[in-house]
Amino acid sequence: MDQDAAQALAIDALTFLGGDEDRLARFLGLTGWTPQSLRDPGSRQALLASALEHLTGDEALLMTFAANTGRNPSTVAEAARRLGSLSGNGDLDDGGDDDGDGDGGE
């Protein structure tokens, strides 16, 4: 997935989150974003990555998003990894073997 496709998916995710007051409040509460910080053009990449990370961190929310948008949940995870690596967000966990010893990062 290229950066443009990942960003387009993240914009869809933000639209989805913002389309429901409870979903948006939970996103803001868990991520620390504020209405003011959402408007900061300098934080756009981090915001997009954060929206996808939020979706992938909640399976029920991810499945609802996927059903509402016709997206495959694995595509959302791929976009989250793509934008997370571009924004330098080290919090995104791809479930891989982080320490390289073959035990899945444990």
C-alpha atoms as a PDB file:
ATOM      1  CA  MET A   1       0.000   0.000   0.000  1.00  0.00           C
ATOM      2  CA  ASP A   2       1.392   3.406  -0.890  1.00  0.00           C
ATOM      3  CA  GLN A   3       1.271   6.495   1.280  1.00  0.00           C
ATOM      4  CA  ASP A   4      -1.584   8.128  -0.644  1.00  0.00           C
ATOM      5  CA  ALA A   5      -3.815   5.067  -0.272  1.00  0.00           C
ATOM      6  CA  ALA A   6      -2.978   4.806   3.428  1.00  0.00           C
ATOM      7  CA  GLN A   7      -3.787   8.483   3.943  1.00  0.00           C
ATOM      8  CA  ALA A   8      -7.082   8.148   2.069  1.00  0.00           C
ATOM      9  CA  LEU A   9      -8.058   5.209   4.278  1.00  0.00           C
ATOM     10  CA  ALA A  10      -7.067   7.182   7.387  1.00  0.00           C
ATOM     11  CA  ILE A  11      -9.229  10.103   6.275  1.00  0.00           C
ATOM     12  CA  ASP A  12     -12.118   7.655   5.928  1.00  0.00           C
ATOM     13  CA  ALA A  13     -11.333   6.433   9.449  1.00  0.00           C
ATOM     14  CA  LEU A  14     -11.412   9.977  10.830  1.00  0.00           C
ATOM     15  CA  THR A  15     -14.698  10.615   9.046  1.00  0.00           C
ATOM     16  CA  PHE A  16     -16.079   7.428  10.579  1.00  0.00           C
ATOM     17  CA  LEU A  17     -14.887   8.365  14.064  1.00  0.00           C
ATOM     18  CA  GLY A  18     -16.168  11.907  13.738  1.00  0.00           C
ATOM     19  CA  GLY A  19     -19.545  10.727  12.487  1.00  0.00           C
ATOM     20  CA  ASP A  20     -20.558   9.492  15.910  1.00  0.00           C
ATOM     21  CA  GLU A  21     -20.257  11.614  19.045  1.00  0.00           C
ATOM     22  CA  ASP A  22     -19.466   8.643  21.309  1.00  0.00           C
ATOM     23  CA  ARG A  23     -16.825   7.230  18.951  1.00  0.00           C
ATOM     24  CA  LEU A  24     -15.194  10.640  18.614  1.00  0.00           C
ATOM     25  CA  ALA A  25     -15.222  11.281  22.367  1.00  0.00           C
ATOM     26  CA  ARG A  26     -13.607   7.888  22.995  1.00  0.00           C
ATOM     27  CA  PHE A  27     -10.967   8.521  20.324  1.00  0.00           C
ATOM     28  CA  LEU A  28     -10.130  11.918  21.814  1.00  0.00           C
ATOM     29  CA  GLY A  29     -10.110  10.554  25.355  1.00  0.00           C
ATOM     30  CA  LEU A  30      -7.865   7.596  24.625  1.00  0.00           C
ATOM     31  CA  THR A  31      -5.434   9.315  22.278  1.00  0.00           C
ATOM     32  CA  GLY A  32      -5.080  12.693  23.940  1.00  0.00           C
ATOM     33  CA  TRP A  33      -6.042  14.616  20.823  1.00  0.00           C
ATOM     34  CA  THR A  34      -8.051  17.772  21.441  1.00  0.00           C
ATOM     35  CA  PRO A  35     -10.344  19.688  19.095  1.00  0.00           C
ATOM     36  CA  GLN A  36      -7.573  22.300  18.853  1.00  0.00           C
ATOM     37  CA  SER A  37      -4.809  19.810  18.065  1.00  0.00           C
ATOM     38  CA  LEU A  38      -6.973  18.187  15.402  1.00  0.00           C
ATOM     39  CA  ARG A  39      -6.856  21.477  13.498  1.00  0.00           C
ATOM     40  CA  ASP A  40      -3.054  21.785  13.545  1.00  0.00           C
ATOM     41  CA  PRO A  41      -1.816  21.179   9.980  1.00  0.00           C
ATOM     42  CA  GLY A  42       1.613  20.204  11.327  1.00  0.00           C
ATOM     43  CA  SER A  43       0.172  17.187  13.098  1.00  0.00           C
ATOM     44  CA  ARG A  44      -1.737  15.775  10.124  1.00  0.00           C
ATOM     45  CA  GLN A  45       0.448  12.697   9.599  1.00  0.00           C
ATOM     46  CA  ALA A  46       0.418  11.798  13.291  1.00  0.00           C
ATOM     47  CA  LEU A  47      -3.343  12.315  13.458  1.00  0.00           C
ATOM     48  CA  LEU A  48      -3.949  10.008  10.497  1.00  0.00           C
ATOM     49  CA  ALA A  49      -1.707   7.322  11.983  1.00  0.00           C
ATOM     50  CA  SER A  50      -3.412   7.743  15.353  1.00  0.00           C
ATOM     51  CA  ALA A  51      -6.874   7.249  13.864  1.00  0.00           C
ATOM     52  CA  LEU A  52      -5.827   3.973  12.250  1.00  0.00           C
ATOM     53  CA  GLU A  53      -4.004   2.825  15.360  1.00  0.00           C
ATOM     54  CA  HIS A  54      -7.161   3.533  17.361  1.00  0.00           C
ATOM     55  CA  LEU A  55      -9.254   1.419  14.983  1.00  0.00           C
ATOM     56  CA  THR A  56      -6.832  -1.480  14.971  1.00  0.00           C
ATOM     57  CA  GLY A  57      -6.674  -1.412  18.765  1.00  0.00           C
ATOM     58  CA  ASP A  58     -10.403  -2.114  19.114  1.00  0.00           C
ATOM     59  CA  GLU A  59     -11.540  -5.166  17.181  1.00  0.00           C
ATOM     60  CA  ALA A  60     -15.263  -4.394  17.461  1.00  0.00           C
ATOM     61  CA  LEU A  61     -14.708  -0.837  16.236  1.00  0.00           C
ATOM     62  CA  LEU A  62     -12.453  -2.080  13.430  1.00  0.00           C
ATOM     63  CA  MET A  63     -15.076  -4.579  12.295  1.00  0.00           C
ATOM     64  CA  THR A  64     -17.788  -1.901  12.366  1.00  0.00           C
ATOM     65  CA  PHE A  65     -15.591   0.427  10.302  1.00  0.00           C
ATOM     66  CA  ALA A  66     -14.792  -2.368   7.853  1.00  0.00           C
ATOM     67  CA  ALA A  67     -18.469  -3.280   7.459  1.00  0.00           C
ATOM     68  CA  ASN A  68     -19.527   0.350   7.023  1.00  0.00           C
ATOM     69  CA  THR A  69     -16.854   1.150   4.454  1.00  0.00           C
ATOM     70  CA  GLY A  70     -16.429  -2.173   2.666  1.00  0.00           C
ATOM     71  CA  ARG A  71     -12.779  -2.308   3.699  1.00  0.00           C
ATOM     72  CA  ASN A  72     -10.870  -5.399   4.696  1.00  0.00           C
ATOM     73  CA  PRO A  73      -9.655  -5.116   8.310  1.00  0.00           C
ATOM     74  CA  SER A  74      -6.193  -6.283   7.264  1.00  0.00           C
ATOM     75  CA  THR A  75      -6.006  -3.328   4.874  1.00  0.00           C
ATOM     76  CA  VAL A  76      -6.623  -0.995   7.806  1.00  0.00           C
ATOM     77  CA  ALA A  77      -3.784  -2.633   9.733  1.00  0.00           C
ATOM     78  CA  GLU A  78      -1.500  -2.333   6.702  1.00  0.00           C
ATOM     79  CA  ALA A  79      -2.336   1.370   6.361  1.00  0.00           C
ATOM     80  CA  ALA A  80      -1.703   1.875  10.089  1.00  0.00           C
ATOM     81  CA  ARG A  81       1.746   0.312   9.753  1.00  0.00           C
ATOM     82  CA  ARG A  82       2.498   2.421   6.680  1.00  0.00           C
ATOM     83  CA  LEU A  83       1.500   5.713   8.282  1.00  0.00           C
ATOM     84  CA  GLY A  84       3.004   4.773  11.632  1.00  0.00           C
ATOM     85  CA  SER A  85       6.376   4.174  10.048  1.00  0.00           C
ATOM     86  CA  LEU A  86       6.156   7.438   8.105  1.00  0.00           C
ATOM     87  CA  SER A  87       5.177   9.500  11.134  1.00  0.00           C
ATOM     88  CA  GLY A  88       7.796   7.904  13.339  1.00  0.00           C
ATOM     89  CA  ASN A  89       5.102   6.588  15.653  1.00  0.00           C
ATOM     90  CA  GLY A  90       6.800   3.760  17.467  1.00  0.00           C
ATOM     91  CA  ASP A  91       3.604   2.810  19.286  1.00  0.00           C
ATOM     92  CA  LEU A  92       2.136   0.876  16.388  1.00  0.00           C
ATOM     93  CA  ASP A  93       2.582  -2.837  17.005  1.00  0.00           C
ATOM     94  CA  ASP A  94       2.516  -5.055  13.976  1.00  0.00           C
ATOM     95  CA  GLY A  95       2.638  -8.150  16.147  1.00  0.00           C
ATOM     96  CA  GLY A  96       6.066  -8.985  14.790  1.00  0.00           C
ATOM     97  CA  ASP A  97       9.208 -10.225  16.422  1.00  0.00           C
ATOM     98  CA  ASP A  98      10.492  -6.898  17.714  1.00  0.00           C
ATOM     99  CA  ASP A  99      13.754  -8.205  19.153  1.00  0.00           C
ATOM    100  CA  GLY A 100      14.589 -10.615  16.344  1.00  0.00           C
ATOM    101  CA  ASP A 101      15.002 -13.731  18.493  1.00  0.00           C
ATOM    102  CA  GLY A 102      12.108 -15.657  16.991  1.00  0.00           C
ATOM    103  CA  ASP A 103       9.793 -15.563  20.010  1.00  0.00           C
ATOM    104  CA  GLY A 104       7.338 -12.970  18.672  1.00  0.00           C
ATOM    105  CA  GLY A 105       8.910 -10.114  20.591  1.00  0.00           C
ATOM    106  CA  GLU A 106       8.645 -11.640  24.069  1.00  0.00           C
END
